[in-house]
Amino acid sequence: MTGNTSHGTHGSDGLRVVVLGATGNVGTSVVRALTEDPRITSLLGVARRVPGWQPDGTTWMATDVDPGGPELAPLFAGADAVVHLAWKFQPTHDPATTWRTNVLGSIRVFEAAAEAGVPALLYASSVGAYSPGPKDRRVDESWPTHGWPGAAYCREKAYLERFLDGYEQRYASMRVVRMRPGFLFKRESASQQRRIFAGRLLPAQMVRPSLVPAVPDLPGLTFQALHTNDGATAYREAVARPVRGAFNLAADPPLDAAVLARILDAHPLRVPLAPVRAALSAAWRLRLVPASPDLFDAVLRLPLLDCSRARAELDWEPQRTAVEAVQEFLDGLRARAGMDTAPLAS
């Protein structure tokens, strides 16, 4: 393990927080939101590689959550909250590898937090944990979380939801918070998300108005998005407030082919699902795109989220619309935007 410390002004009565996966899309926004909050006086950011990015008041530690890695409980000693964001999206052709990090690694984090006596555990779940649901109405946090069985990402998120059900009973005195956001976008995440989901098949300079003539209007293509910084404010409030349980997070409006077409100055084009799915499947098998067709299947079945609980208990309200979040992401994609962290490198 290696450390790199930036000294800020720490008080003795504030909250001490550990953030795992602190250098990715969500992690960088959560770290920034926490360091800007006077209620938080100590923050340890944990990632596989120490970044060049150095916000005031943050101590960095390089370690790995995978089984066989260094003990995690000593990192959590004395913390008021552990925020677990670490997640591996690839390789999609090797689900055993992602299972090892995402499921077994997460369980290591959860058990270490309990061993260290941490009062609060915040975990980054996802809309992807939900079972297929409606597109014509919104569901609250009581909707079943069995995921879409074909997609490794959804299976992993759903499995951890089941694990946490039992974990909460074993450690009833701990506050366990599960954040279930829609798709999270910001300008600085564009390069990372292109690598994760589209690969080299998507030239960044092509994603601009006037160059995309049509957006496929597919059955079920309606989903929700959120600016990552707005998601981070929900994490910040959940760290500082005595809340527990699950919170849906999404911004309006829901995104469909018509909305996406307006963003890209294109036209929605109704096309049959089967050939689109077949083309994506072929591209994935040929390793032209990293996103699996099973994840595409899951997206078409995701429910729309009711975020009333976050608004009521966290006093949370997105400051940007879903359209603004996507527009900022597309701008970052064309500019090859990023940050000085390994996951977000341009």
Protein backbone atom coordinates (compact mmCIF):
# COMPACT_ATOMS: atom_id res chain seq x y z
CA MET A 1 0.00 0.00 0.00
CA THR A 2 1.14 3.51 -0.73
CA GLY A 3 -0.15 6.77 0.63
CA ASN A 4 -0.18 10.36 -0.55
CA THR A 5 -1.53 12.87 1.93
CA SER A 6 -2.88 16.36 1.40
CA HIS A 7 -3.36 18.19 4.69
CA GLY A 8 -6.47 20.28 5.12
CA THR A 9 -8.02 21.96 8.15
CA HIS A 10 -9.47 19.13 10.21
CA GLY A 11 -11.72 19.64 13.20
CA SER A 12 -12.09 17.20 16.10
CA ASP A 13 -15.88 16.90 16.07
CA GLY A 14 -16.60 16.32 12.40
CA LEU A 15 -17.19 13.11 10.52
CA ARG A 16 -14.44 10.80 9.31
CA VAL A 17 -15.28 9.09 6.02
CA VAL A 18 -13.59 6.42 3.90
CA VAL A 19 -14.50 6.25 0.19
CA LEU A 20 -13.57 3.14 -1.81
CA GLY A 21 -13.48 3.50 -5.58
CA ALA A 22 -12.73 7.17 -5.04
CA THR A 23 -11.17 7.91 -8.44
CA GLY A 24 -13.93 6.92 -10.88
CA ASN A 25 -16.98 8.69 -12.27
CA VAL A 26 -18.97 8.57 -9.02
CA GLY A 27 -16.02 8.51 -6.64
CA THR A 28 -14.48 11.79 -7.79
CA SER A 29 -17.83 13.56 -7.43
CA VAL A 30 -18.48 12.05 -4.00
CA VAL A 31 -14.99 12.98 -2.78
CA ARG A 32 -15.46 16.55 -3.99
CA ALA A 33 -18.91 16.84 -2.38
CA LEU A 34 -17.62 15.51 0.94
CA THR A 35 -14.49 17.65 1.07
CA GLU A 36 -16.57 20.77 0.44
CA ASP A 37 -18.90 19.98 3.37
CA PRO A 38 -17.86 21.38 6.78
CA ARG A 39 -19.54 18.42 8.51
CA ILE A 40 -16.81 16.18 7.05
CA THR A 41 -13.41 16.80 8.62
CA SER A 42 -11.43 13.76 7.47
CA LEU A 43 -11.60 11.83 4.22
CA LEU A 44 -9.61 8.79 3.12
CA GLY A 45 -9.89 8.01 -0.58
CA VAL A 46 -9.10 4.40 -1.48
CA ALA A 47 -8.38 3.25 -5.03
CA ARG A 48 -6.14 0.77 -6.83
CA ARG A 49 -3.89 3.62 -7.94
CA VAL A 50 -3.20 6.93 -6.19
CA PRO A 51 -4.30 9.77 -8.53
CA GLY A 52 -2.62 13.01 -9.45
CA TRP A 53 -5.88 14.76 -8.53
CA GLN A 54 -5.53 16.07 -4.98
CA PRO A 55 -8.51 17.86 -3.40
CA ASP A 56 -7.86 19.60 -0.08
CA GLY A 57 -8.37 17.53 3.03
CA THR A 58 -8.08 14.14 1.29
CA THR A 59 -5.67 11.36 2.19
CA TRP A 60 -5.13 8.74 -0.54
CA MET A 61 -4.40 5.07 -0.07
CA ALA A 62 -3.75 2.55 -2.83
CA THR A 63 -5.15 -0.91 -2.18
CA ASP A 64 -7.36 -3.58 -3.74
CA VAL A 65 -10.69 -4.94 -2.54
CA ASP A 66 -10.22 -8.28 -4.32
CA PRO A 67 -9.99 -11.46 -2.22
CA GLY A 68 -6.41 -11.99 -1.13
CA GLY A 69 -5.75 -8.26 -0.96
CA PRO A 70 -4.59 -6.37 2.14
CA GLU A 71 -6.79 -6.34 5.23
CA LEU A 72 -9.39 -3.60 4.98
CA ALA A 73 -10.57 -3.31 8.59
CA PRO A 74 -7.48 -1.29 9.68
CA LEU A 75 -8.31 1.29 6.99
CA PHE A 76 -11.80 1.67 8.43
CA ALA A 77 -10.80 1.99 12.11
CA GLY A 78 -12.27 5.15 13.61
CA ALA A 79 -14.37 5.99 10.53
CA ASP A 80 -17.91 7.27 10.94
CA ALA A 81 -18.91 6.04 7.48
CA VAL A 82 -17.58 3.82 4.70
CA VAL A 83 -18.78 4.60 1.17
CA HIS A 84 -18.27 1.65 -1.18
CA LEU A 85 -18.19 2.64 -4.86
CA ALA A 86 -15.50 0.32 -6.25
CA TRP A 87 -16.74 -1.69 -9.24
CA LYS A 88 -15.22 -3.46 -12.22
CA PHE A 89 -17.21 -3.28 -15.51
CA GLN A 90 -14.82 -5.29 -17.64
CA PRO A 91 -13.91 -7.84 -18.91
CA THR A 92 -17.47 -8.61 -19.98
CA HIS A 93 -16.25 -11.79 -21.69
CA ASP A 94 -15.02 -13.11 -18.34
CA PRO A 95 -17.82 -12.76 -15.76
CA ALA A 96 -15.86 -14.80 -13.20
CA THR A 97 -13.34 -11.95 -13.02
CA THR A 98 -15.94 -9.25 -12.44
CA TRP A 99 -17.73 -11.49 -9.93
CA ARG A 100 -14.50 -11.85 -7.95
CA THR A 101 -14.07 -8.08 -7.63
CA ASN A 102 -17.65 -6.88 -7.54
CA VAL A 103 -19.27 -9.54 -5.38
CA LEU A 104 -16.50 -11.18 -3.36
CA GLY A 105 -14.59 -7.91 -3.06
CA SER A 106 -17.71 -6.05 -1.92
CA ILE A 107 -18.42 -8.70 0.69
CA ARG A 108 -14.85 -8.20 1.97
CA VAL A 109 -15.62 -4.48 2.31
CA PHE A 110 -18.90 -5.09 4.11
CA GLU A 111 -17.41 -7.58 6.58
CA ALA A 112 -14.40 -5.34 7.24
CA ALA A 113 -16.70 -2.40 8.00
CA ALA A 114 -18.54 -4.54 10.54
CA GLU A 115 -15.26 -5.80 12.03
CA ALA A 116 -14.05 -2.21 12.44
CA GLY A 117 -17.31 -1.16 14.08
CA VAL A 118 -18.11 1.48 11.48
CA PRO A 119 -21.51 3.05 12.28
CA ALA A 120 -22.61 3.61 8.65
CA LEU A 121 -22.07 1.76 5.38
CA LEU A 122 -23.14 3.34 2.07
CA TYR A 123 -23.16 1.06 -0.96
CA ALA A 124 -23.51 1.98 -4.63
CA SER A 125 -26.27 -0.28 -5.87
CA SER A 126 -28.01 0.61 -9.14
CA VAL A 127 -31.21 0.74 -11.12
CA GLY A 128 -29.66 -2.37 -12.67
CA ALA A 129 -30.43 -4.29 -9.47
CA TYR A 130 -34.17 -3.97 -10.11
CA SER A 131 -36.26 -6.67 -11.71
CA PRO A 132 -37.88 -5.76 -15.05
CA GLY A 133 -40.54 -3.13 -14.51
CA PRO A 134 -42.92 -0.66 -16.09
CA LYS A 135 -42.10 2.18 -18.43
CA ASP A 136 -45.45 3.93 -18.03
CA ARG A 137 -45.21 4.59 -14.28
CA ARG A 138 -42.52 4.85 -11.62
CA VAL A 139 -41.60 2.36 -8.93
CA ASP A 140 -40.34 3.04 -5.43
CA GLU A 141 -37.64 1.25 -3.47
CA SER A 142 -39.94 -1.68 -2.64
CA TRP A 143 -39.78 -2.96 -6.25
CA PRO A 144 -38.09 -6.39 -6.37
CA THR A 145 -34.32 -6.36 -6.82
CA HIS A 146 -33.64 -9.60 -8.67
CA GLY A 147 -31.99 -7.91 -11.65
CA TRP A 148 -31.99 -9.18 -15.22
CA PRO A 149 -30.51 -12.68 -15.03
CA GLY A 150 -28.76 -12.58 -18.40
CA ALA A 151 -26.51 -9.61 -17.58
CA ALA A 152 -23.53 -10.12 -15.27
CA TYR A 153 -23.75 -6.53 -14.03
CA CYS A 154 -27.37 -7.01 -12.94
CA ARG A 155 -26.71 -10.43 -11.41
CA GLU A 156 -23.89 -8.99 -9.33
CA LYS A 157 -25.92 -6.01 -8.13
CA ALA A 158 -28.90 -8.25 -7.29
CA TYR A 159 -26.73 -10.75 -5.41
CA LEU A 160 -25.30 -7.98 -3.22
CA GLU A 161 -28.81 -6.73 -2.48
CA ARG A 162 -29.63 -10.21 -1.13
CA PHE A 163 -26.37 -10.32 0.83
CA LEU A 164 -27.15 -6.96 2.42
CA ASP A 165 -30.61 -8.17 3.44
CA GLY A 166 -28.97 -10.70 5.74
CA TYR A 167 -26.12 -8.36 6.66
CA GLU A 168 -28.56 -5.75 7.99
CA GLN A 169 -30.09 -8.37 10.27
CA ARG A 170 -26.69 -9.47 11.58
CA TYR A 171 -25.48 -5.91 12.17
CA ALA A 172 -28.70 -4.18 13.13
CA SER A 173 -26.93 -1.31 14.87
CA MET A 174 -25.17 -0.27 11.65
CA ARG A 175 -26.81 2.17 9.25
CA VAL A 176 -26.80 0.52 5.84
CA VAL A 177 -27.71 2.77 2.89
CA ARG A 178 -28.16 1.47 -0.65
CA MET A 179 -28.07 4.07 -3.41
CA ARG A 180 -29.90 3.00 -6.59
CA PRO A 181 -29.25 5.65 -9.24
CA GLY A 182 -30.10 5.70 -12.91
CA PHE A 183 -27.34 6.22 -15.48
CA LEU A 184 -24.75 8.69 -14.18
CA PHE A 185 -23.04 11.14 -16.52
CA LYS A 186 -20.69 14.10 -16.28
CA ARG A 187 -18.24 15.73 -18.66
CA GLU A 188 -15.14 14.24 -17.03
CA SER A 189 -16.49 10.68 -17.23
CA ALA A 190 -16.88 10.71 -21.01
CA SER A 191 -13.59 9.05 -21.95
CA GLN A 192 -13.98 6.35 -19.30
CA GLN A 193 -17.55 5.52 -20.28
CA ARG A 194 -16.65 5.40 -23.96
CA ARG A 195 -13.94 2.85 -23.15
CA ILE A 196 -16.25 0.80 -20.92
CA PHE A 197 -19.33 0.63 -23.13
CA ALA A 198 -18.55 1.59 -26.72
CA GLY A 199 -14.86 0.96 -27.26
CA ARG A 200 -13.21 2.01 -30.49
CA LEU A 201 -16.31 1.39 -32.59
CA LEU A 202 -17.64 4.83 -31.56
CA PRO A 203 -15.48 7.70 -32.91
CA ALA A 204 -15.83 10.51 -30.37
CA GLN A 205 -15.89 13.23 -33.02
CA MET A 206 -18.92 11.63 -34.69
CA VAL A 207 -21.25 12.12 -31.73
CA ARG A 208 -22.41 15.62 -32.54
CA PRO A 209 -25.56 17.24 -33.90
CA SER A 210 -25.87 17.05 -37.68
CA LEU A 211 -23.61 13.98 -37.91
CA VAL A 212 -26.10 11.54 -36.32
CA PRO A 213 -29.02 11.35 -38.77
CA ALA A 214 -31.33 9.13 -36.72
CA VAL A 215 -31.78 7.60 -33.26
CA PRO A 216 -33.19 4.06 -33.19
CA ASP A 217 -36.62 4.03 -31.60
CA LEU A 218 -36.63 0.59 -29.98
CA PRO A 219 -39.34 -1.03 -27.86
CA GLY A 220 -38.46 -0.39 -24.23
CA LEU A 221 -35.83 2.28 -24.94
CA THR A 222 -36.81 4.59 -22.09
CA PHE A 223 -34.39 5.11 -19.21
CA GLN A 224 -33.36 7.65 -16.59
CA ALA A 225 -30.14 9.57 -16.16
CA LEU A 226 -28.60 11.86 -13.58
CA HIS A 227 -25.63 14.18 -13.41
CA THR A 228 -22.97 12.48 -11.31
CA ASN A 229 -22.47 15.57 -9.15
CA ASP A 230 -26.16 15.53 -8.26
CA GLY A 231 -25.87 11.88 -7.30
CA ALA A 232 -22.90 12.81 -5.10
CA THR A 233 -24.97 15.30 -3.09
CA ALA A 234 -27.31 12.46 -2.16
CA TYR A 235 -24.35 10.42 -0.91
CA ARG A 236 -23.13 13.42 1.08
CA GLU A 237 -26.48 13.86 2.79
CA ALA A 238 -26.80 10.14 3.49
CA VAL A 239 -23.39 10.21 5.19
CA ALA A 240 -24.38 13.11 7.44
CA ARG A 241 -28.02 12.27 8.19
CA PRO A 242 -29.37 9.36 10.30
CA VAL A 243 -31.01 7.59 7.36
CA ARG A 244 -30.91 3.97 6.30
CA GLY A 245 -32.30 1.76 3.56
CA ALA A 246 -32.53 2.25 -0.20
CA PHE A 247 -32.82 5.49 -2.18
CA ASN A 248 -33.72 5.84 -5.84
CA LEU A 249 -31.88 8.65 -7.63
CA ALA A 250 -32.76 10.04 -11.07
CA ALA A 251 -33.49 13.32 -12.82
CA ASP A 252 -36.28 14.25 -15.20
CA PRO A 253 -37.19 13.82 -17.96
CA PRO A 254 -36.96 10.12 -18.74
CA LEU A 255 -34.90 9.66 -21.89
CA ASP A 256 -36.34 7.95 -24.95
CA ALA A 257 -35.63 8.04 -28.67
CA ALA A 258 -37.54 11.29 -29.15
CA VAL A 259 -35.62 13.11 -26.40
CA LEU A 260 -32.26 11.74 -27.57
CA ALA A 261 -33.07 12.74 -31.14
CA ARG A 262 -33.71 16.33 -30.03
CA ILE A 263 -30.38 16.40 -28.18
CA LEU A 264 -28.56 15.22 -31.32
CA ASP A 265 -30.67 17.23 -33.77
CA ALA A 266 -31.66 13.92 -35.37
CA HIS A 267 -34.85 12.01 -36.08
CA PRO A 268 -36.26 9.06 -34.14
CA LEU A 269 -36.45 6.07 -36.45
CA ARG A 270 -38.62 3.12 -35.52
CA VAL A 271 -36.64 -0.05 -36.16
CA PRO A 272 -37.23 -3.68 -35.21
CA LEU A 273 -35.37 -4.87 -32.15
CA ALA A 274 -34.08 -8.20 -33.47
CA PRO A 275 -31.55 -6.92 -36.06
CA VAL A 276 -30.18 -4.26 -33.69
CA ARG A 277 -29.69 -6.84 -30.98
CA ALA A 278 -28.10 -9.26 -33.45
CA ALA A 279 -25.66 -6.61 -34.69
CA LEU A 280 -24.64 -5.71 -31.14
CA SER A 281 -24.22 -9.37 -30.26
CA ALA A 282 -21.98 -9.95 -33.29
CA ALA A 283 -19.88 -6.88 -32.47
CA TRP A 284 -19.47 -8.05 -28.88
CA ARG A 285 -18.45 -11.58 -29.90
CA LEU A 286 -15.88 -10.07 -32.27
CA ARG A 287 -14.70 -7.82 -29.40
CA LEU A 288 -15.49 -4.67 -31.35
CA VAL A 289 -17.57 -3.33 -28.45
CA PRO A 290 -17.09 -4.13 -24.74
CA ALA A 291 -20.77 -3.78 -23.74
CA SER A 292 -22.54 -7.14 -23.84
CA PRO A 293 -25.88 -7.67 -25.60
CA ASP A 294 -27.23 -8.98 -22.28
CA LEU A 295 -26.74 -5.56 -20.73
CA PHE A 296 -28.59 -4.07 -23.70
CA ASP A 297 -31.45 -6.49 -22.95
CA ALA A 298 -31.48 -5.32 -19.34
CA VAL A 299 -31.62 -1.62 -20.25
CA LEU A 300 -34.76 -2.20 -22.30
CA ARG A 301 -36.43 -3.74 -19.24
CA LEU A 302 -35.36 -1.37 -16.46
CA PRO A 303 -38.21 0.25 -14.52
CA LEU A 304 -38.57 4.00 -14.14
CA LEU A 305 -37.70 5.21 -10.63
CA ASP A 306 -39.76 7.20 -8.15
CA CYS A 307 -37.33 9.35 -6.17
CA SER A 308 -39.76 10.71 -3.57
CA ARG A 309 -37.91 9.13 -0.66
CA ALA A 310 -34.62 10.87 -1.48
CA ARG A 311 -36.41 14.18 -1.81
CA ALA A 312 -38.20 13.74 1.53
CA GLU A 313 -35.44 12.25 3.71
CA LEU A 314 -32.31 13.75 2.15
CA ASP A 315 -33.80 17.09 1.06
CA TRP A 316 -32.35 16.12 -2.29
CA GLU A 317 -33.18 17.67 -5.64
CA PRO A 318 -31.17 17.34 -8.86
CA GLN A 319 -29.74 20.66 -10.00
CA ARG A 320 -29.52 19.54 -13.63
CA THR A 321 -32.01 17.80 -15.86
CA ALA A 322 -31.30 14.43 -17.41
CA VAL A 323 -31.00 16.21 -20.76
CA GLU A 324 -28.35 18.58 -19.38
CA ALA A 325 -26.41 15.64 -17.93
CA VAL A 326 -26.38 13.85 -21.29
CA GLN A 327 -25.48 17.04 -23.18
CA GLU A 328 -22.53 17.64 -20.85
CA PHE A 329 -21.41 14.03 -21.31
CA LEU A 330 -21.60 14.32 -25.11
CA ASP A 331 -19.60 17.52 -24.99
CA GLY A 332 -16.98 15.72 -22.92
CA LEU A 333 -17.00 12.83 -25.37
CA ARG A 334 -16.21 15.12 -28.30
CA ALA A 335 -13.51 16.90 -26.27
CA ARG A 336 -12.06 13.63 -24.96
CA ALA A 337 -12.51 15.05 -21.46
CA GLY A 338 -11.20 13.34 -18.36
CA MET A 339 -9.45 13.90 -15.02
CA ASP A 340 -6.05 13.14 -13.52
CA THR A 341 -7.11 9.76 -12.16
CA ALA A 342 -6.45 6.38 -13.75
CA PRO A 343 -10.12 5.53 -14.47
CA LEU A 344 -10.95 8.97 -15.87
CA ALA A 345 -7.82 9.56 -17.92
CA SER A 346 -8.65 11.13 -21.27
